Amino acid sequence: MKTKLQQLLYRIKTLCNQRCVRLTPQRLEVLRIICQQTKAISAYDLLDLLKKSIPKAKPPTIYRALNFLLLQGFIHRVESTNKFMICNYFSEPSHAFAFLICDNCNKVIEQTTQNIKEILQQTANVSGFKISYNIIEAHGICKQCDIINIS
């Protein structure tokens, strides 16, 4: 029986084959590391972890892999923290999402929400503005940290 990580990586490999793009061993390893994280991770923290399996890895290795994974929609960049995380909805490349970022534990929750996309589009239409890309991030306290603070 395959683990969740194995199933996820298999789905991504299949998508890469369908898209005729190369998921190189370095890209796959960066993706595997990101998938194993419980929180968003910085490029330099990724590099430190990558060096365990690819000792000669350098910053360009990470940034090339991250650019590929971002372009394919497999990961997200959390703009306000400059960290990366797996996209939970990568099979739906045009999904609208918001990041809920806990300022206490740094957990990032990706929440899909069609209403946000519609509200932004309506606001843009009033000004004659065409949205090409949007990032919505909200900072606060997650449920687990809030319970800890109450106790």
N, C-alpha and C. Protein backbone atom coordinates (compact mmCIF):
# COMPACT_ATOMS: atom_id res chain seq x y z
N MET A 1 0.84 -1.18 0.00
CA MET A 1 0.00 0.00 0.00
C MET A 1 0.89 1.25 0.00
N LYS A 2 0.54 2.21 -0.87
CA LYS A 2 1.32 3.42 -0.98
C LYS A 2 0.96 4.41 0.14
N THR A 3 1.97 5.13 0.60
CA THR A 3 1.74 6.17 1.59
C THR A 3 1.12 7.39 0.90
N LYS A 4 0.64 8.34 1.69
CA LYS A 4 0.08 9.56 1.12
C LYS A 4 1.12 10.30 0.29
N LEU A 5 2.36 10.35 0.80
CA LEU A 5 3.43 11.02 0.08
C LEU A 5 3.68 10.33 -1.27
N GLN A 6 3.74 9.01 -1.27
CA GLN A 6 3.96 8.28 -2.52
C GLN A 6 2.82 8.52 -3.51
N GLN A 7 1.60 8.54 -3.02
CA GLN A 7 0.44 8.79 -3.89
C GLN A 7 0.51 10.19 -4.48
N LEU A 8 0.86 11.16 -3.65
CA LEU A 8 0.96 12.55 -4.09
C LEU A 8 2.04 12.69 -5.17
N LEU A 9 3.21 12.14 -4.91
CA LEU A 9 4.30 12.23 -5.88
C LEU A 9 3.96 11.49 -7.17
N TYR A 10 3.26 10.40 -7.07
CA TYR A 10 2.83 9.65 -8.26
C TYR A 10 1.89 10.50 -9.11
N ARG A 11 0.93 11.19 -8.45
CA ARG A 11 -0.01 12.06 -9.18
C ARG A 11 0.74 13.19 -9.88
N ILE A 12 1.74 13.73 -9.20
CA ILE A 12 2.52 14.83 -9.80
C ILE A 12 3.36 14.32 -10.96
N LYS A 13 3.98 13.16 -10.81
CA LYS A 13 4.75 12.57 -11.92
C LYS A 13 3.85 12.34 -13.13
N THR A 14 2.66 11.85 -12.88
CA THR A 14 1.70 11.60 -13.96
C THR A 14 1.34 12.90 -14.67
N LEU A 15 1.07 13.95 -13.90
CA LEU A 15 0.77 15.25 -14.51
C LEU A 15 1.94 15.77 -15.34
N CYS A 16 3.15 15.60 -14.85
CA CYS A 16 4.33 16.05 -15.59
C CYS A 16 4.43 15.30 -16.92
N ASN A 17 4.18 14.00 -16.89
CA ASN A 17 4.21 13.21 -18.13
C ASN A 17 3.13 13.70 -19.10
N GLN A 18 1.93 13.98 -18.58
CA GLN A 18 0.84 14.47 -19.43
C GLN A 18 1.17 15.84 -20.02
N ARG A 19 1.87 16.66 -19.27
CA ARG A 19 2.23 18.01 -19.71
C ARG A 19 3.53 18.03 -20.53
N CYS A 20 4.18 16.89 -20.64
CA CYS A 20 5.45 16.77 -21.36
C CYS A 20 6.52 17.69 -20.76
N VAL A 21 6.60 17.71 -19.44
CA VAL A 21 7.64 18.46 -18.74
C VAL A 21 8.45 17.48 -17.90
N ARG A 22 9.73 17.82 -17.68
CA ARG A 22 10.63 16.92 -16.96
C ARG A 22 10.65 17.20 -15.47
N LEU A 23 10.31 16.18 -14.71
CA LEU A 23 10.44 16.24 -13.26
C LEU A 23 11.78 15.58 -12.95
N THR A 24 12.84 16.39 -12.97
CA THR A 24 14.20 15.87 -12.77
C THR A 24 14.35 15.33 -11.35
N PRO A 25 15.38 14.54 -11.09
CA PRO A 25 15.60 14.04 -9.73
C PRO A 25 15.72 15.16 -8.69
N GLN A 26 16.38 16.27 -9.06
CA GLN A 26 16.52 17.39 -8.13
C GLN A 26 15.15 18.02 -7.84
N ARG A 27 14.36 18.23 -8.87
CA ARG A 27 13.02 18.80 -8.70
C ARG A 27 12.16 17.90 -7.84
N LEU A 28 12.24 16.61 -8.10
CA LEU A 28 11.47 15.63 -7.34
C LEU A 28 11.89 15.62 -5.87
N GLU A 29 13.17 15.74 -5.62
CA GLU A 29 13.66 15.75 -4.24
C GLU A 29 13.22 17.01 -3.51
N VAL A 30 13.28 18.16 -4.17
CA VAL A 30 12.81 19.41 -3.57
C VAL A 30 11.32 19.29 -3.26
N LEU A 31 10.57 18.75 -4.19
CA LEU A 31 9.13 18.55 -4.00
C LEU A 31 8.86 17.60 -2.84
N ARG A 32 9.61 16.52 -2.76
CA ARG A 32 9.44 15.56 -1.67
C ARG A 32 9.69 16.23 -0.32
N ILE A 33 10.73 17.05 -0.24
CA ILE A 33 11.04 17.75 1.01
C ILE A 33 9.90 18.70 1.38
N ILE A 34 9.42 19.45 0.40
CA ILE A 34 8.31 20.38 0.68
C ILE A 34 7.09 19.62 1.16
N CYS A 35 6.79 18.51 0.53
CA CYS A 35 5.62 17.70 0.90
C CYS A 35 5.72 17.17 2.33
N GLN A 36 6.91 16.95 2.80
CA GLN A 36 7.10 16.39 4.14
C GLN A 36 7.01 17.44 5.25
N GLN A 37 6.95 18.72 4.88
CA GLN A 37 6.92 19.78 5.88
C GLN A 37 5.50 19.98 6.41
N THR A 38 5.40 20.33 7.66
CA THR A 38 4.09 20.65 8.24
C THR A 38 3.81 22.14 8.14
N LYS A 39 4.83 22.92 7.77
CA LYS A 39 4.70 24.37 7.62
C LYS A 39 5.39 24.78 6.33
N ALA A 40 5.15 26.00 5.90
CA ALA A 40 5.86 26.53 4.75
C ALA A 40 7.36 26.61 5.10
N ILE A 41 8.20 26.48 4.07
CA ILE A 41 9.64 26.41 4.30
C ILE A 41 10.37 27.40 3.38
N SER A 42 11.44 27.98 3.89
CA SER A 42 12.23 28.93 3.10
C SER A 42 13.16 28.19 2.14
N ALA A 43 13.62 28.90 1.13
CA ALA A 43 14.52 28.31 0.15
C ALA A 43 15.83 27.84 0.80
N TYR A 44 16.35 28.62 1.75
CA TYR A 44 17.62 28.22 2.38
C TYR A 44 17.43 27.04 3.33
N ASP A 45 16.29 26.95 3.99
CA ASP A 45 16.02 25.76 4.79
C ASP A 45 15.87 24.54 3.89
N LEU A 46 15.26 24.74 2.73
CA LEU A 46 15.16 23.66 1.74
C LEU A 46 16.54 23.21 1.29
N LEU A 47 17.40 24.19 1.03
CA LEU A 47 18.76 23.87 0.60
C LEU A 47 19.48 23.04 1.65
N ASP A 48 19.36 23.41 2.91
CA ASP A 48 20.01 22.63 3.98
C ASP A 48 19.51 21.19 3.99
N LEU A 49 18.21 20.99 3.82
CA LEU A 49 17.65 19.64 3.79
C LEU A 49 18.04 18.89 2.51
N LEU A 50 18.09 19.62 1.40
CA LEU A 50 18.46 18.99 0.13
C LEU A 50 19.89 18.49 0.14
N LYS A 51 20.76 19.19 0.85
CA LYS A 51 22.17 18.80 0.91
C LYS A 51 22.38 17.44 1.57
N LYS A 52 21.38 16.96 2.31
CA LYS A 52 21.49 15.63 2.91
C LYS A 52 21.43 14.54 1.84
N SER A 53 20.68 14.79 0.77
CA SER A 53 20.59 13.79 -0.30
C SER A 53 21.38 14.18 -1.54
N ILE A 54 21.61 15.49 -1.72
CA ILE A 54 22.41 15.97 -2.85
C ILE A 54 23.45 16.94 -2.27
N PRO A 55 24.57 16.40 -1.77
CA PRO A 55 25.55 17.23 -1.05
C PRO A 55 26.08 18.44 -1.81
N LYS A 56 26.15 18.36 -3.13
CA LYS A 56 26.71 19.47 -3.91
C LYS A 56 25.65 20.50 -4.32
N ALA A 57 24.45 20.40 -3.78
CA ALA A 57 23.38 21.33 -4.14
C ALA A 57 23.76 22.76 -3.74
N LYS A 58 23.43 23.69 -4.60
CA LYS A 58 23.73 25.11 -4.38
C LYS A 58 22.41 25.89 -4.51
N PRO A 59 22.39 27.17 -4.10
CA PRO A 59 21.16 27.96 -4.22
C PRO A 59 20.50 27.93 -5.61
N PRO A 60 21.27 28.01 -6.70
CA PRO A 60 20.60 27.94 -8.01
C PRO A 60 19.81 26.63 -8.22
N THR A 61 20.29 25.55 -7.65
CA THR A 61 19.58 24.27 -7.75
C THR A 61 18.20 24.40 -7.16
N ILE A 62 18.13 24.99 -5.97
CA ILE A 62 16.85 25.19 -5.28
C ILE A 62 15.96 26.12 -6.08
N TYR A 63 16.50 27.26 -6.49
CA TYR A 63 15.66 28.26 -7.17
C TYR A 63 15.15 27.77 -8.52
N ARG A 64 15.96 27.00 -9.25
CA ARG A 64 15.47 26.43 -10.51
C ARG A 64 14.34 25.43 -10.25
N ALA A 65 14.52 24.60 -9.22
CA ALA A 65 13.48 23.63 -8.89
C ALA A 65 12.21 24.33 -8.43
N LEU A 66 12.36 25.33 -7.57
CA LEU A 66 11.19 26.08 -7.08
C LEU A 66 10.45 26.77 -8.23
N ASN A 67 11.19 27.38 -9.14
CA ASN A 67 10.56 28.05 -10.28
C ASN A 67 9.75 27.06 -11.12
N PHE A 68 10.32 25.89 -11.36
CA PHE A 68 9.60 24.86 -12.12
C PHE A 68 8.33 24.43 -11.38
N LEU A 69 8.46 24.15 -10.09
CA LEU A 69 7.31 23.67 -9.30
C LEU A 69 6.23 24.74 -9.18
N LEU A 70 6.63 26.01 -9.07
CA LEU A 70 5.66 27.11 -9.05
C LEU A 70 4.95 27.23 -10.40
N LEU A 71 5.72 27.18 -11.47
CA LEU A 71 5.16 27.30 -12.82
C LEU A 71 4.15 26.19 -13.10
N GLN A 72 4.43 25.00 -12.60
CA GLN A 72 3.52 23.86 -12.82
C GLN A 72 2.34 23.87 -11.85
N GLY A 73 2.37 24.75 -10.86
CA GLY A 73 1.27 24.86 -9.91
C GLY A 73 1.28 23.81 -8.81
N PHE A 74 2.41 23.16 -8.60
CA PHE A 74 2.52 22.12 -7.57
C PHE A 74 2.76 22.70 -6.18
N ILE A 75 3.35 23.90 -6.14
CA ILE A 75 3.63 24.55 -4.87
C ILE A 75 3.15 26.00 -4.94
N HIS A 76 3.10 26.62 -3.77
CA HIS A 76 2.78 28.04 -3.66
C HIS A 76 3.93 28.74 -2.96
N ARG A 77 4.07 30.01 -3.27
CA ARG A 77 4.99 30.87 -2.52
C ARG A 77 4.13 31.75 -1.64
N VAL A 78 4.39 31.70 -0.35
CA VAL A 78 3.70 32.58 0.58
C VAL A 78 4.48 33.89 0.56
N GLU A 79 3.90 34.88 -0.06
CA GLU A 79 4.60 36.13 -0.34
C GLU A 79 5.09 36.84 0.92
N SER A 80 4.26 36.94 1.93
CA SER A 80 4.61 37.74 3.11
C SER A 80 5.74 37.12 3.93
N THR A 81 5.94 35.83 3.81
CA THR A 81 7.01 35.17 4.56
C THR A 81 8.13 34.65 3.67
N ASN A 82 7.94 34.74 2.35
CA ASN A 82 8.90 34.25 1.37
C ASN A 82 9.24 32.78 1.62
N LYS A 83 8.19 31.99 1.82
CA LYS A 83 8.34 30.55 2.04
C LYS A 83 7.48 29.80 1.05
N PHE A 84 7.71 28.50 0.97
CA PHE A 84 7.05 27.67 -0.02
C PHE A 84 6.32 26.52 0.65
N MET A 85 5.21 26.11 0.00
CA MET A 85 4.42 25.00 0.53
C MET A 85 3.75 24.27 -0.63
N ILE A 86 3.37 23.04 -0.38
CA ILE A 86 2.69 22.25 -1.39
C ILE A 86 1.31 22.86 -1.66
N CYS A 87 0.89 22.82 -2.90
CA CYS A 87 -0.47 23.25 -3.25
C CYS A 87 -1.37 22.04 -3.07
N ASN A 88 -2.36 22.16 -2.24
CA ASN A 88 -3.27 21.04 -1.98
C ASN A 88 -4.25 20.80 -3.11
N TYR A 89 -4.31 21.72 -4.06
CA TYR A 89 -5.28 21.63 -5.15
C TYR A 89 -4.59 21.73 -6.51
N PHE A 90 -3.39 21.16 -6.64
CA PHE A 90 -2.61 21.32 -7.87
C PHE A 90 -3.29 20.72 -9.10
N SER A 91 -4.22 19.80 -8.91
CA SER A 91 -4.90 19.24 -10.07
C SER A 91 -5.97 20.19 -10.60
N GLU A 92 -6.22 21.29 -9.87
CA GLU A 92 -7.16 22.33 -10.29
C GLU A 92 -6.36 23.63 -10.45
N PRO A 93 -5.61 23.77 -11.54
CA PRO A 93 -4.67 24.89 -11.65
C PRO A 93 -5.27 26.28 -11.58
N SER A 94 -6.56 26.43 -11.81
CA SER A 94 -7.13 27.79 -11.79
C SER A 94 -7.95 28.06 -10.54
N HIS A 95 -7.67 27.35 -9.47
CA HIS A 95 -8.45 27.55 -8.25
C HIS A 95 -8.10 28.88 -7.57
N ALA A 96 -9.10 29.44 -6.91
CA ALA A 96 -8.89 30.66 -6.13
C ALA A 96 -8.62 30.24 -4.69
N PHE A 97 -7.65 30.88 -4.07
CA PHE A 97 -7.28 30.47 -2.72
C PHE A 97 -6.85 31.67 -1.89
N ALA A 98 -6.86 31.44 -0.60
CA ALA A 98 -6.34 32.42 0.35
C ALA A 98 -5.46 31.66 1.33
N PHE A 99 -4.41 32.30 1.79
CA PHE A 99 -3.56 31.71 2.82
C PHE A 99 -3.95 32.29 4.16
N LEU A 100 -4.16 31.43 5.12
CA LEU A 100 -4.40 31.83 6.50
C LEU A 100 -3.12 31.48 7.25
N ILE A 101 -2.41 32.49 7.74
CA ILE A 101 -1.07 32.31 8.31
C ILE A 101 -1.12 32.59 9.81
N CYS A 102 -0.72 31.59 10.60
CA CYS A 102 -0.69 31.76 12.05
C CYS A 102 0.60 32.49 12.43
N ASP A 103 0.45 33.62 13.10
CA ASP A 103 1.61 34.40 13.52
C ASP A 103 2.31 33.80 14.73
N ASN A 104 1.67 32.82 15.36
CA ASN A 104 2.27 32.18 16.52
C ASN A 104 3.13 30.97 16.13
N CYS A 105 2.54 30.02 15.38
CA CYS A 105 3.27 28.79 15.04
C CYS A 105 3.74 28.75 13.58
N ASN A 106 3.38 29.77 12.80
CA ASN A 106 3.75 29.88 11.38
C ASN A 106 3.08 28.88 10.46
N LYS A 107 2.08 28.18 10.94
CA LYS A 107 1.32 27.25 10.10
C LYS A 107 0.61 28.06 9.02
N VAL A 108 0.57 27.50 7.80
CA VAL A 108 -0.13 28.15 6.70
C VAL A 108 -1.21 27.20 6.20
N ILE A 109 -2.43 27.70 6.15
CA ILE A 109 -3.55 26.90 5.67
C ILE A 109 -3.96 27.48 4.32
N GLU A 110 -4.02 26.62 3.31
CA GLU A 110 -4.51 27.03 2.00
C GLU A 110 -6.00 26.76 1.97
N GLN A 111 -6.77 27.80 1.76
CA GLN A 111 -8.23 27.67 1.76
C GLN A 111 -8.75 28.11 0.39
N THR A 112 -9.42 27.22 -0.31
CA THR A 112 -10.01 27.63 -1.58
C THR A 112 -11.30 28.37 -1.31
N THR A 113 -11.55 29.35 -2.14
CA THR A 113 -12.77 30.13 -1.97
C THR A 113 -13.10 30.85 -3.27
N GLN A 114 -14.17 30.43 -3.89
CA GLN A 114 -14.60 31.03 -5.15
C GLN A 114 -15.09 32.46 -4.92
N ASN A 115 -15.69 32.73 -3.78
CA ASN A 115 -16.25 34.05 -3.52
C ASN A 115 -15.19 35.15 -3.59
N ILE A 116 -14.00 34.88 -3.11
CA ILE A 116 -12.94 35.89 -3.14
C ILE A 116 -12.61 36.26 -4.58
N LYS A 117 -12.51 35.26 -5.43
CA LYS A 117 -12.20 35.52 -6.84
C LYS A 117 -13.29 36.40 -7.46
N GLU A 118 -14.53 36.10 -7.17
CA GLU A 118 -15.64 36.89 -7.72
C GLU A 118 -15.62 38.32 -7.19
N ILE A 119 -15.36 38.49 -5.90
CA ILE A 119 -15.32 39.83 -5.31
C ILE A 119 -14.18 40.64 -5.92
N LEU A 120 -13.01 40.04 -6.07
CA LEU A 120 -11.87 40.75 -6.67
C LEU A 120 -12.18 41.13 -8.12
N GLN A 121 -12.80 40.22 -8.85
CA GLN A 121 -13.11 40.49 -10.26
C GLN A 121 -14.12 41.62 -10.38
N GLN A 122 -15.13 41.64 -9.51
CA GLN A 122 -16.12 42.72 -9.52
C GLN A 122 -15.45 44.06 -9.20
N THR A 123 -14.57 44.06 -8.22
CA THR A 123 -13.85 45.28 -7.85
C THR A 123 -12.97 45.76 -9.00
N ALA A 124 -12.30 44.83 -9.64
CA ALA A 124 -11.44 45.18 -10.78
C ALA A 124 -12.26 45.72 -11.95
N ASN A 125 -13.41 45.11 -12.20
CA ASN A 125 -14.25 45.54 -13.31
C ASN A 125 -14.69 47.00 -13.18
N VAL A 126 -14.95 47.43 -11.95
CA VAL A 126 -15.36 48.82 -11.70
C VAL A 126 -14.29 49.78 -12.20
N SER A 127 -13.03 49.40 -12.06
CA SER A 127 -11.91 50.26 -12.46
C SER A 127 -11.39 49.95 -13.86
N GLY A 128 -11.99 48.97 -14.51
CA GLY A 128 -11.49 48.57 -15.82
C GLY A 128 -10.16 47.86 -15.74
N PHE A 129 -9.91 47.22 -14.63
CA PHE A 129 -8.63 46.55 -14.37
C PHE A 129 -8.76 45.07 -14.69
N LYS A 130 -7.72 44.50 -15.31
CA LYS A 130 -7.70 43.07 -15.61
C LYS A 130 -6.74 42.38 -14.66
N ILE A 131 -7.25 41.46 -13.87
CA ILE A 131 -6.42 40.73 -12.91
C ILE A 131 -5.73 39.58 -13.64
N SER A 132 -4.42 39.52 -13.49
CA SER A 132 -3.67 38.40 -14.06
C SER A 132 -3.27 37.39 -12.99
N TYR A 133 -3.16 37.87 -11.75
CA TYR A 133 -2.71 37.00 -10.66
C TYR A 133 -3.07 37.68 -9.36
N ASN A 134 -3.49 36.91 -8.38
CA ASN A 134 -3.76 37.52 -7.07
C ASN A 134 -3.27 36.62 -5.96
N ILE A 135 -2.91 37.25 -4.89
CA ILE A 135 -2.45 36.54 -3.69
C ILE A 135 -3.19 37.13 -2.52
N ILE A 136 -3.86 36.29 -1.78
CA ILE A 136 -4.59 36.76 -0.61
C ILE A 136 -4.02 36.05 0.60
N GLU A 137 -3.52 36.83 1.53
CA GLU A 137 -2.93 36.29 2.74
C GLU A 137 -3.53 37.00 3.94
N ALA A 138 -3.93 36.23 4.92
CA ALA A 138 -4.46 36.80 6.15
C ALA A 138 -3.64 36.24 7.31
N HIS A 139 -3.18 37.13 8.17
CA HIS A 139 -2.40 36.74 9.34
C HIS A 139 -3.29 36.77 10.58
N GLY A 140 -3.03 35.84 11.50
CA GLY A 140 -3.79 35.77 12.74
C GLY A 140 -3.30 34.62 13.58
N ILE A 141 -4.21 34.00 14.31
CA ILE A 141 -3.88 32.88 15.19
C ILE A 141 -4.73 31.68 14.79
N CYS A 142 -4.08 30.52 14.60
CA CYS A 142 -4.81 29.31 14.23
C CYS A 142 -5.58 28.77 15.44
N LYS A 143 -6.47 27.86 15.17
CA LYS A 143 -7.33 27.29 16.21
C LYS A 143 -6.51 26.63 17.32
N GLN A 144 -5.47 25.87 16.94
CA GLN A 144 -4.66 25.18 17.94
C GLN A 144 -3.92 26.15 18.85
N CYS A 145 -3.35 27.20 18.27
CA CYS A 145 -2.64 28.18 19.10
C CYS A 145 -3.62 28.98 19.95
N ASP A 146 -4.80 29.24 19.45
CA ASP A 146 -5.80 29.97 20.20
C ASP A 146 -6.24 29.16 21.41
N ILE A 147 -6.39 27.84 21.23
CA ILE A 147 -6.77 26.97 22.36
C ILE A 147 -5.66 26.96 23.40
N ILE A 148 -4.41 26.91 22.97
CA ILE A 148 -3.27 26.91 23.88
C ILE A 148 -3.23 28.22 24.66
N ASN A 149 -3.50 29.34 23.97
CA ASN A 149 -3.47 30.67 24.63
C ASN A 149 -4.60 30.84 25.63
N ILE A 150 -5.73 30.16 25.39
CA ILE A 150 -6.87 30.25 26.29
C ILE A 150 -6.59 29.46 27.57
N SER A 151 -5.89 28.34 27.42
CA SER A 151 -5.64 27.45 28.58
C SER A 151 -4.80 28.10 29.64
